[in-house]
């Protein structure tokens, strides 16, 4: 690695905590909490549906977001599918490198690398950022890919069998540290971060390269990811719920992209303009969700320097990733995600409500402020509902049942509509199924949604105590127990 470049890169201050919290941020975040207290208090003061005001507020908020996403995704209907899109002949071809962040991923790493080496548009360089693996990764890379073991902290020579493949061997320091070290070794225009448990579709690299080549202002982009879980009964259930959760989430990202308010990309499969990442100081090593935090910093840098940078989600860049297959794994994942989200919301609280950031400042970040207490609203609504059921309080249950019934119907319609839009957006090859979407809309509010809120509430504990870690992760979705790739 280039030592002077490394020193300058690491000396850059990735995150600048604001000296004080602006009044508008206090009002927005504080208002969400005060509203919850007032609505919850109504459960002990009034009767009928107003006693469940916290639940009504939760339902109305979610409904407004659904309507926003539905409206902003209508341009998908005007899309004309293209079998093999190609970049204009006059468009300069960006060079593209891939960083595979890997820690003890020997079981799934061959699957990930096979997908990268089997692309219709091969990347110019692939760097395996080995974050102190101790599971046989070193033996795998040497024996199967002809890579000579480099000194710790150094980049290997190119693979004897795959000239674009390199091995960056690092002491264990976490994903963000590994990514930062690898970015210093990458000399391509665009860098793609891929987790060791993520399987790219054969045309994914071409789609990412094309987007960055055609759009000079594009600095970050995420592909569309489909979750894969184990073949156990629990795994199939979690894959079912997460499949439709991912569909809604990626359509939501498309909606916010339309107003340049996209914040959430997927670090498991994300492309960045290399110079832009270096300009803002790389990934934050203190954040639990380094990909999410980086997008905040890119937006802030763009506003401060008057740069027309954009962030996108690419429907024609697709991948599959290993997803939690058990309750414990799922809760740990959502704990980390939500804890990292709270970290980032706090660090960038000065941007909340700031008109200089356009829709991002006046809409997206205030929505995120509401989301900080979304699990509190959701769990309180569910808890009160259980209390009314146990007490047999029909005066409250009857009107509440009407609200819940109307919401289920709306969710059902949105589920079906989102599956249709999603198929049109990414292609008919999607695993999305209308019948299963129908069933998910009926069951999810009383099962999976409660589980998500529970994981998020645990994330609050992680944020407040500062005890968040990645935790141990077991990969069981993309390969079978014997290491054979799942189709």
Protein backbone atom coordinates (compact mmCIF):
# COMPACT_ATOMS: atom_id res chain seq x y z
CA UNK A 1 0.00 0.00 0.00
CA UNK A 2 1.04 3.60 -0.51
CA UNK A 3 2.05 4.77 2.98
CA UNK A 4 1.72 8.53 2.34
CA UNK A 5 -1.70 8.01 0.80
CA UNK A 6 -2.72 5.80 3.69
CA UNK A 7 -1.64 8.36 6.26
CA UNK A 8 -3.52 11.18 4.52
CA UNK A 9 -6.58 8.99 4.08
CA UNK A 10 -6.75 7.86 7.68
CA UNK A 11 -5.96 11.36 8.98
CA UNK A 12 -9.05 12.74 7.24
CA UNK A 13 -11.87 13.25 9.71
CA UNK A 14 -14.70 11.10 8.35
CA UNK A 15 -17.32 12.35 10.77
CA UNK A 16 -17.59 15.79 12.31
CA UNK A 17 -20.00 15.87 15.23
CA UNK A 18 -21.84 19.21 15.21
CA UNK A 19 -20.92 21.53 18.09
CA UNK A 20 -24.56 21.91 19.05
CA UNK A 21 -27.92 20.50 18.10
CA UNK A 22 -29.93 23.00 16.01
CA UNK A 23 -33.29 24.04 17.39
CA UNK A 24 -35.13 22.52 14.44
CA UNK A 25 -33.57 19.14 15.21
CA UNK A 26 -34.59 19.40 18.87
CA UNK A 27 -38.14 20.28 17.84
CA UNK A 28 -38.45 17.43 15.33
CA UNK A 29 -36.94 14.69 17.47
CA UNK A 30 -38.48 15.98 20.69
CA UNK A 31 -41.87 16.38 19.05
CA UNK A 32 -41.91 12.69 18.08
CA UNK A 33 -41.27 11.68 21.70
CA UNK A 34 -43.76 14.13 23.21
CA UNK A 35 -46.43 12.98 20.76
CA UNK A 36 -45.87 9.36 21.78
CA UNK A 37 -46.22 10.24 25.48
CA UNK A 38 -49.46 12.14 24.84
CA UNK A 39 -50.95 9.43 22.64
CA UNK A 40 -49.99 6.67 25.06
CA UNK A 41 -51.48 8.62 27.96
CA UNK A 42 -54.81 8.71 26.14
CA UNK A 43 -55.09 4.95 26.67
CA UNK A 44 -55.77 5.68 30.36
CA UNK A 45 -57.99 8.74 29.91
CA UNK A 46 -60.47 8.07 27.12
CA UNK A 47 -62.50 5.27 25.60
CA UNK A 48 -63.32 3.98 22.08
CA UNK A 49 -60.75 4.18 19.33
CA UNK A 50 -59.03 7.21 20.88
CA UNK A 51 -57.71 4.93 23.61
CA UNK A 52 -55.63 3.31 20.89
CA UNK A 53 -54.41 6.66 19.51
CA UNK A 54 -50.79 5.51 19.54
CA UNK A 55 -51.80 2.68 17.22
CA UNK A 56 -53.85 4.96 15.00
CA UNK A 57 -50.87 7.32 14.69
CA UNK A 58 -48.64 4.38 13.78
CA UNK A 59 -51.11 3.22 11.13
CA UNK A 60 -51.53 6.71 9.65
CA UNK A 61 -47.77 7.27 9.46
CA UNK A 62 -47.19 3.96 7.71
CA UNK A 63 -50.08 4.68 5.34
CA UNK A 64 -48.64 8.06 4.34
CA UNK A 65 -45.30 6.42 3.54
CA UNK A 66 -47.02 3.72 1.48
CA UNK A 67 -48.89 6.34 -0.53
CA UNK A 68 -45.66 8.28 -1.09
CA UNK A 69 -43.84 5.19 -2.31
CA UNK A 70 -46.78 4.19 -4.49
CA UNK A 71 -46.88 7.61 -6.15
CA UNK A 72 -43.13 7.98 -6.62
CA UNK A 73 -42.71 4.52 -8.14
CA UNK A 74 -45.28 5.10 -10.90
CA UNK A 75 -42.48 5.89 -13.41
CA UNK A 76 -41.68 2.17 -13.33
CA UNK A 77 -44.86 1.61 -15.32
CA UNK A 78 -43.38 3.64 -18.18
CA UNK A 79 -40.17 1.65 -18.30
CA UNK A 80 -39.40 -0.25 -21.47
CA UNK A 81 -37.61 -3.52 -20.71
CA UNK A 82 -34.41 -4.07 -22.64
CA UNK A 83 -32.92 -7.51 -23.07
CA UNK A 84 -29.30 -6.37 -23.13
CA UNK A 85 -28.78 -2.64 -22.48
CA UNK A 86 -25.47 -1.27 -23.66
CA UNK A 87 -23.66 1.96 -23.00
CA UNK A 88 -23.38 4.53 -25.75
CA UNK A 89 -20.31 4.13 -27.96
CA UNK A 90 -19.30 7.70 -27.08
CA UNK A 91 -19.53 7.04 -23.32
CA UNK A 92 -16.10 6.57 -21.68
CA UNK A 93 -15.82 3.16 -20.03
CA UNK A 94 -15.15 3.45 -16.31
CA UNK A 95 -12.69 1.03 -14.80
CA UNK A 96 -14.25 -0.96 -11.97
CA UNK A 97 -12.72 -2.80 -9.06
CA UNK A 98 -14.39 -5.07 -6.53
CA UNK A 99 -13.59 -5.36 -2.83
CA UNK A 100 -14.78 -8.55 -1.18
CA UNK A 101 -14.80 -7.92 2.58
CA UNK A 102 -14.28 -11.31 4.18
CA UNK A 103 -13.92 -12.55 7.73
CA UNK A 104 -14.14 -16.33 8.19
CA UNK A 105 -16.15 -16.75 4.99
CA UNK A 106 -14.28 -19.75 3.56
CA UNK A 107 -17.52 -21.70 3.12
CA UNK A 108 -19.21 -19.16 0.86
CA UNK A 109 -16.23 -17.30 -0.60
CA UNK A 110 -15.84 -19.70 -3.57
CA UNK A 111 -19.48 -19.07 -4.48
CA UNK A 112 -19.01 -15.31 -4.32
CA UNK A 113 -15.80 -15.41 -6.37
CA UNK A 114 -17.31 -17.77 -8.94
CA UNK A 115 -20.08 -15.24 -9.51
CA UNK A 116 -17.56 -12.39 -9.88
CA UNK A 117 -15.30 -14.33 -12.22
CA UNK A 118 -18.31 -15.45 -14.26
CA UNK A 119 -19.62 -11.95 -15.03
CA UNK A 120 -20.49 -11.03 -18.59
CA UNK A 121 -18.52 -7.82 -17.96
CA UNK A 122 -15.51 -8.79 -15.87
CA UNK A 123 -14.24 -6.36 -13.22
CA UNK A 124 -10.78 -4.89 -13.80
CA UNK A 125 -9.59 -5.89 -10.33
CA UNK A 126 -10.88 -8.01 -7.46
CA UNK A 127 -9.35 -7.52 -4.02
CA UNK A 128 -10.21 -9.97 -1.26
CA UNK A 129 -9.95 -7.91 1.92
CA UNK A 130 -9.26 -10.73 4.35
CA UNK A 131 -10.08 -9.29 7.76
CA UNK A 132 -8.03 -11.61 9.95
CA UNK A 133 -9.81 -14.83 8.97
CA UNK A 134 -8.92 -17.92 10.98
CA UNK A 135 -11.17 -20.51 9.34
CA UNK A 136 -9.11 -21.79 6.43
CA UNK A 137 -9.54 -18.79 4.13
CA UNK A 138 -5.76 -18.58 3.65
CA UNK A 139 -5.50 -22.22 2.58
CA UNK A 140 -8.46 -21.77 0.22
CA UNK A 141 -7.00 -18.71 -1.50
CA UNK A 142 -3.59 -20.34 -1.90
CA UNK A 143 -4.74 -23.76 -3.07
CA UNK A 144 -7.74 -22.93 -5.24
CA UNK A 145 -6.82 -19.51 -6.62
CA UNK A 146 -3.02 -19.64 -6.77
CA UNK A 147 -2.50 -16.66 -4.50
CA UNK A 148 0.80 -16.38 -2.64
CA UNK A 149 0.27 -15.49 1.01
CA UNK A 150 1.31 -11.84 1.48
CA UNK A 151 2.77 -10.29 4.60
CA UNK A 152 0.21 -8.99 7.07
CA UNK A 153 -1.09 -5.63 5.88
CA UNK A 154 0.19 -6.14 2.34
CA UNK A 155 -1.37 -6.87 -1.04
CA UNK A 156 -0.42 -10.09 -2.78
CA UNK A 157 0.73 -10.53 -6.33
CA UNK A 158 -1.98 -11.37 -8.85
CA UNK A 159 -3.44 -14.84 -8.88
CA UNK A 160 -1.69 -17.25 -11.22
CA UNK A 161 -5.04 -18.51 -12.52
CA UNK A 162 -7.05 -15.26 -12.38
CA UNK A 163 -4.86 -12.23 -13.25
CA UNK A 164 -7.34 -9.70 -11.83
CA UNK A 165 -7.59 -11.39 -8.42
CA UNK A 166 -5.57 -10.15 -5.41
CA UNK A 167 -5.43 -10.94 -1.70
CA UNK A 168 -5.13 -8.19 0.91
CA UNK A 169 -4.24 -9.88 4.20
CA UNK A 170 -5.09 -7.81 7.26
CA UNK A 171 -5.20 -8.19 11.04
CA UNK A 172 -8.77 -8.40 12.31
CA UNK A 173 -10.07 -4.85 12.67
CA UNK A 174 -13.64 -4.95 11.38
CA UNK A 175 -15.28 -4.50 8.01
CA UNK A 176 -14.81 -0.74 7.74
CA UNK A 177 -11.08 -0.99 8.46
CA UNK A 178 -10.72 -3.71 5.83
CA UNK A 179 -12.64 -1.69 3.25
CA UNK A 180 -10.54 1.42 3.90
CA UNK A 181 -7.32 -0.54 3.50
CA UNK A 182 -8.56 -2.08 0.26
CA UNK A 183 -9.68 1.26 -1.19
CA UNK A 184 -6.06 2.42 -0.91
CA UNK A 185 -5.06 -0.50 -3.13
CA UNK A 186 -7.73 0.07 -5.77
CA UNK A 187 -6.76 2.22 -8.75
CA UNK A 188 -10.08 2.00 -10.59
CA UNK A 189 -12.62 4.78 -11.23
CA UNK A 190 -15.39 2.86 -9.47
CA UNK A 191 -15.18 0.49 -6.54
CA UNK A 192 -17.81 -2.11 -5.75
CA UNK A 193 -18.08 -3.50 -2.22
CA UNK A 194 -19.38 -7.06 -2.03
CA UNK A 195 -19.78 -9.07 1.15
CA UNK A 196 -18.30 -12.54 1.27
CA UNK A 197 -21.81 -14.00 1.49
CA UNK A 198 -23.28 -12.16 -1.51
CA UNK A 199 -23.79 -13.72 -4.92
CA UNK A 200 -23.96 -11.32 -7.87
CA UNK A 201 -26.07 -12.13 -10.92
CA UNK A 202 -24.05 -12.48 -14.10
CA UNK A 203 -24.93 -9.02 -15.48
CA UNK A 204 -24.58 -7.08 -12.23
CA UNK A 205 -21.07 -5.71 -12.83
CA UNK A 206 -22.02 -4.53 -16.31
CA UNK A 207 -25.06 -2.68 -14.94
CA UNK A 208 -23.01 -0.93 -12.25
CA UNK A 209 -20.22 0.01 -14.65
CA UNK A 210 -22.73 1.32 -17.19
CA UNK A 211 -24.47 3.51 -14.60
CA UNK A 212 -21.25 5.10 -13.38
CA UNK A 213 -19.96 5.56 -16.94
CA UNK A 214 -23.13 7.29 -18.14
CA UNK A 215 -23.71 9.47 -15.05
CA UNK A 216 -20.66 11.55 -14.05
CA UNK A 217 -22.46 12.89 -10.97
CA UNK A 218 -23.31 9.43 -9.62
CA UNK A 219 -21.17 8.78 -6.52
CA UNK A 220 -22.94 5.83 -4.87
CA UNK A 221 -25.37 3.17 -6.01
CA UNK A 222 -26.88 0.02 -4.64
CA UNK A 223 -28.06 -2.99 -6.54
CA UNK A 224 -31.28 -4.86 -5.78
CA UNK A 225 -30.76 -7.74 -3.36
CA UNK A 226 -32.84 -10.85 -2.73
CA UNK A 227 -32.45 -12.64 0.63
CA UNK A 228 -31.62 -16.34 0.78
CA UNK A 229 -32.11 -18.38 3.96
CA UNK A 230 -31.54 -21.99 4.97
CA UNK A 231 -33.82 -24.77 3.84
CA UNK A 232 -35.08 -25.48 7.35
CA UNK A 233 -38.67 -24.71 8.22
CA UNK A 234 -37.61 -21.63 10.17
CA UNK A 235 -35.34 -20.58 7.31
CA UNK A 236 -38.15 -20.85 4.78
CA UNK A 237 -40.42 -18.74 6.99
CA UNK A 238 -37.79 -16.05 7.42
CA UNK A 239 -37.04 -16.05 3.70
CA UNK A 240 -40.73 -15.65 2.94
CA UNK A 241 -41.14 -12.62 5.17
CA UNK A 242 -37.81 -11.05 4.26
CA UNK A 243 -38.40 -11.43 0.54
CA UNK A 244 -41.43 -9.13 0.65
CA UNK A 245 -39.76 -6.83 3.17
CA UNK A 246 -36.85 -6.42 0.73
CA UNK A 247 -39.25 -5.77 -2.16
CA UNK A 248 -40.94 -2.95 -0.28
CA UNK A 249 -37.63 -1.55 0.92
CA UNK A 250 -36.06 -1.40 -2.52
CA UNK A 251 -39.15 0.20 -4.00
CA UNK A 252 -38.95 2.74 -1.17
CA UNK A 253 -35.35 3.45 -2.13
CA UNK A 254 -36.46 3.97 -5.71
CA UNK A 255 -39.08 6.45 -4.48
CA UNK A 256 -36.61 8.49 -2.43
CA UNK A 257 -34.10 8.37 -5.28
CA UNK A 258 -36.64 10.26 -7.38
CA UNK A 259 -36.23 13.31 -5.12
CA UNK A 260 -32.48 12.81 -4.50
CA UNK A 261 -33.24 11.82 -0.93
CA UNK A 262 -31.81 8.31 -0.95
CA UNK A 263 -29.75 7.50 2.15
CA UNK A 264 -29.91 3.74 2.47
CA UNK A 265 -27.77 1.57 0.23
CA UNK A 266 -26.72 -2.01 0.86
CA UNK A 267 -23.08 -2.44 1.78
CA UNK A 268 -23.37 -6.08 0.74
CA UNK A 269 -23.55 -4.85 -2.86
CA UNK A 270 -22.75 -1.17 -3.33
CA UNK A 271 -20.83 0.84 -5.92
CA UNK A 272 -18.94 4.05 -5.21
CA UNK A 273 -16.96 6.61 -7.18
CA UNK A 274 -13.49 5.92 -5.75
CA UNK A 275 -12.34 9.55 -5.67
CA UNK A 276 -15.51 10.58 -3.82
CA UNK A 277 -15.02 7.98 -1.09
CA UNK A 278 -11.42 9.07 -0.64
CA UNK A 279 -12.44 12.74 -0.60
CA UNK A 280 -14.70 12.23 2.44
CA UNK A 281 -12.26 10.04 4.36
CA UNK A 282 -13.46 6.51 3.67
CA UNK A 283 -15.69 4.36 5.85
CA UNK A 284 -16.25 5.27 9.48
CA UNK A 285 -14.70 2.56 11.64
CA UNK A 286 -16.82 3.48 14.69
CA UNK A 287 -20.20 3.02 13.02
CA UNK A 288 -22.21 -0.21 13.09
CA UNK A 289 -23.61 0.57 9.62
CA UNK A 290 -20.65 2.07 7.80
CA UNK A 291 -22.36 2.04 4.39
CA UNK A 292 -25.35 4.04 5.66
CA UNK A 293 -23.15 6.56 7.48
CA UNK A 294 -21.00 7.10 4.38
CA UNK A 295 -23.99 8.23 2.32
CA UNK A 296 -24.75 10.94 4.88
CA UNK A 297 -21.19 12.15 4.58
CA UNK A 298 -21.28 12.14 0.79
CA UNK A 299 -24.47 14.23 0.84
CA UNK A 300 -22.96 16.63 3.35
CA UNK A 301 -19.75 16.99 1.33
CA UNK A 302 -21.72 17.60 -1.86
CA UNK A 303 -23.79 20.35 -0.21
CA UNK A 304 -20.74 22.01 1.37
CA UNK A 305 -18.85 22.13 -1.94
CA UNK A 306 -21.75 22.75 -4.31
CA UNK A 307 -21.38 19.38 -6.05
CA UNK A 308 -24.35 17.84 -7.94
CA UNK A 309 -23.68 14.36 -6.58
CA UNK A 310 -26.43 11.76 -6.74
CA UNK A 311 -27.15 8.36 -5.17
CA UNK A 312 -29.14 5.68 -6.99
CA UNK A 313 -30.62 2.23 -6.75
CA UNK A 314 -30.07 0.15 -9.91
CA UNK A 315 -32.86 -2.21 -10.84
CA UNK A 316 -30.75 -4.04 -13.45
CA UNK A 317 -27.95 -4.81 -10.97
CA UNK A 318 -29.09 -7.76 -8.91
CA UNK A 319 -27.69 -10.13 -6.31
CA UNK A 320 -28.62 -12.70 -3.67
CA UNK A 321 -27.33 -12.49 -0.12
CA UNK A 322 -27.36 -14.75 2.90
CA UNK A 323 -30.07 -13.62 5.33
CA UNK A 324 -30.90 -14.64 8.92
CA UNK A 325 -32.64 -17.99 9.19
CA UNK A 326 -33.45 -18.04 12.90
CA UNK A 327 -35.04 -15.74 15.43
CA UNK A 328 -31.77 -15.12 17.26
CA UNK A 329 -29.80 -14.31 14.12
CA UNK A 330 -32.56 -12.03 12.87
CA UNK A 331 -32.80 -10.11 16.15
CA UNK A 332 -29.02 -9.66 16.29
CA UNK A 333 -28.98 -8.34 12.74
CA UNK A 334 -31.79 -5.86 13.38
CA UNK A 335 -30.22 -4.82 16.67
CA UNK A 336 -27.04 -3.85 14.83
CA UNK A 337 -28.88 -2.20 11.95
CA UNK A 338 -31.08 -0.09 14.21
CA UNK A 339 -28.31 0.72 16.65
CA UNK A 340 -26.18 1.92 13.74
CA UNK A 341 -29.10 3.89 12.35
CA UNK A 342 -29.49 5.69 15.70
CA UNK A 343 -25.76 6.39 15.80
CA UNK A 344 -25.88 7.98 12.38
CA UNK A 345 -29.06 9.94 13.05
CA UNK A 346 -27.43 11.41 16.14
CA UNK A 347 -24.14 12.23 14.44
CA UNK A 348 -25.89 13.99 11.57
CA UNK A 349 -28.70 15.58 13.55
CA UNK A 350 -27.65 19.02 12.25
CA UNK A 351 -28.84 18.01 8.76
CA UNK A 352 -32.39 17.21 9.96
CA UNK A 353 -34.83 19.82 8.67
CA UNK A 354 -32.05 21.77 6.87
CA UNK A 355 -33.50 23.15 3.62
CA UNK A 356 -30.06 23.35 2.04
CA UNK A 357 -30.24 19.59 1.52
CA UNK A 358 -33.52 19.76 -0.40
CA UNK A 359 -35.89 16.83 0.04
CA UNK A 360 -33.21 14.98 1.95
CA UNK A 361 -33.19 17.63 4.68
CA UNK A 362 -36.86 18.57 4.83
CA UNK A 363 -38.45 15.17 4.23
CA UNK A 364 -36.19 12.13 4.39
CA UNK A 365 -34.27 13.00 7.55
CA UNK A 366 -37.42 14.11 9.44
CA UNK A 367 -38.96 10.76 8.43
CA UNK A 368 -35.88 9.10 9.89
CA UNK A 369 -36.40 11.14 13.06
CA UNK A 370 -39.87 9.59 13.34
CA UNK A 371 -38.38 6.17 12.63
CA UNK A 372 -36.15 6.43 15.69
CA UNK A 373 -39.25 5.85 17.83
CA UNK A 374 -41.16 3.67 15.38
CA UNK A 375 -40.52 0.50 17.44
CA UNK A 376 -41.82 2.31 20.53
CA UNK A 377 -45.01 3.26 18.72
CA UNK A 378 -45.42 -0.21 17.21
CA UNK A 379 -44.77 -2.20 20.37
CA UNK A 380 -46.94 0.13 22.46
CA UNK A 381 -49.80 -0.26 20.00
CA UNK A 382 -49.46 -4.05 20.04
CA UNK A 383 -49.16 -4.15 23.85
CA UNK A 384 -52.27 -2.04 24.36
CA UNK A 385 -54.16 -4.22 21.92
CA UNK A 386 -53.26 -7.31 23.95
CA UNK A 387 -54.44 -5.59 27.14
CA UNK A 388 -57.80 -4.75 25.56
CA UNK A 389 -58.15 -8.34 24.35
CA UNK A 390 -57.40 -9.79 27.78
CA UNK A 391 -59.85 -7.40 29.41
CA UNK A 392 -62.47 -8.00 26.74
CA UNK A 393 -62.93 -4.25 26.30
CA UNK A 394 -65.32 -4.34 23.35
CA UNK A 395 -65.86 -0.59 23.48
CA UNK A 396 -62.28 -0.16 22.32
CA UNK A 397 -61.77 -3.40 20.38
CA UNK A 398 -64.65 -2.89 17.96
CA UNK A 399 -63.48 0.42 16.46
CA UNK A 400 -59.82 -0.66 16.66
CA UNK A 401 -60.70 -3.79 14.69
CA UNK A 402 -62.08 -1.52 11.99
CA UNK A 403 -58.83 0.45 11.84
CA UNK A 404 -56.72 -2.70 11.74
CA UNK A 405 -58.97 -4.28 9.12
CA UNK A 406 -58.71 -1.23 6.87
CA UNK A 407 -54.93 -1.22 7.27
CA UNK A 408 -54.66 -4.90 6.39
CA UNK A 409 -56.70 -4.30 3.22
CA UNK A 410 -54.45 -1.38 2.28
CA UNK A 411 -51.32 -3.43 3.01
CA UNK A 412 -52.70 -6.25 0.92
CA UNK A 413 -53.29 -3.98 -2.04
CA UNK A 414 -49.84 -2.43 -1.66
CA UNK A 415 -48.20 -5.86 -1.38
CA UNK A 416 -49.77 -7.02 -4.62
CA UNK A 417 -49.06 -3.72 -6.36
CA UNK A 418 -45.44 -3.72 -5.16
CA UNK A 419 -44.87 -7.25 -6.45
CA UNK A 420 -46.20 -6.19 -9.86
CA UNK A 421 -43.99 -3.07 -9.92
CA UNK A 422 -40.98 -4.99 -8.67
CA UNK A 423 -41.31 -7.60 -11.40
CA UNK A 424 -41.60 -4.90 -14.02
CA UNK A 425 -38.61 -3.08 -12.58
CA UNK A 426 -36.10 -5.92 -12.23
CA UNK A 427 -37.63 -8.46 -14.64
CA UNK A 428 -40.04 -11.35 -14.56
CA UNK A 429 -37.38 -13.65 -13.14
CA UNK A 430 -38.11 -12.36 -9.65
CA UNK A 431 -38.99 -14.92 -6.97
CA UNK A 432 -41.89 -12.68 -5.91
CA UNK A 433 -45.21 -14.51 -5.86
CA UNK A 434 -48.65 -12.91 -5.73
CA UNK A 435 -50.27 -15.60 -3.58
CA UNK A 436 -47.44 -15.56 -1.06
CA UNK A 437 -47.55 -11.75 -1.02
CA UNK A 438 -51.27 -12.00 -0.18
CA UNK A 439 -50.58 -14.34 2.74
CA UNK A 440 -47.68 -12.20 3.98
CA UNK A 441 -49.92 -9.13 4.11
CA UNK A 442 -52.35 -11.00 6.37
CA UNK A 443 -49.82 -12.59 8.75
CA UNK A 444 -46.95 -10.12 8.90
CA UNK A 445 -48.52 -7.39 11.14
CA UNK A 446 -48.93 -9.84 14.02
CA UNK A 447 -45.68 -11.80 13.63
CA UNK A 448 -42.73 -10.55 11.58
CA UNK A 449 -43.48 -6.89 12.22
CA UNK A 450 -43.43 -7.43 15.99
CA UNK A 451 -40.12 -9.25 15.63
CA UNK A 452 -38.66 -6.35 13.66
CA UNK A 453 -39.75 -3.86 16.32
CA UNK A 454 -38.25 -6.08 19.03
CA UNK A 455 -34.89 -6.14 17.25
CA UNK A 456 -35.07 -2.37 16.80
CA UNK A 457 -35.85 -1.88 20.51
CA UNK A 458 -32.74 -3.95 21.26
CA UNK A 459 -30.92 -1.59 18.92
CA UNK A 460 -31.85 1.26 21.26
CA UNK A 461 -30.06 -0.59 24.06
CA UNK A 462 -27.02 -1.03 21.80
CA UNK A 463 -27.00 2.67 20.98
CA UNK A 464 -27.45 3.88 24.56
CA UNK A 465 -24.87 1.52 26.06
CA UNK A 466 -22.37 1.64 23.20
CA UNK A 467 -21.99 -2.13 23.32
CA UNK A 468 -22.71 -2.81 19.69
CA UNK A 469 -20.66 -5.33 17.73
CA UNK A 470 -21.13 -7.23 14.52
CA UNK A 471 -21.38 -10.47 16.45
CA UNK A 472 -20.76 -13.93 15.11
CA UNK A 473 -22.59 -14.73 11.89
CA UNK A 474 -23.31 -18.17 10.47
CA UNK A 475 -23.75 -18.41 6.70
CA UNK A 476 -26.28 -21.06 5.72
CA UNK A 477 -28.31 -19.64 2.86
CA UNK A 478 -26.20 -19.55 -0.29
CA UNK A 479 -24.61 -22.97 0.11
CA UNK A 480 -25.76 -26.30 1.44
CA UNK A 481 -24.12 -27.95 4.41
CA UNK A 482 -21.63 -29.69 2.13
CA UNK A 483 -20.57 -26.42 0.55
CA UNK A 484 -22.46 -26.87 -2.71
CA UNK A 485 -23.89 -23.71 -4.24
CA UNK A 486 -27.66 -23.34 -4.03
CA UNK A 487 -29.34 -22.46 -7.30
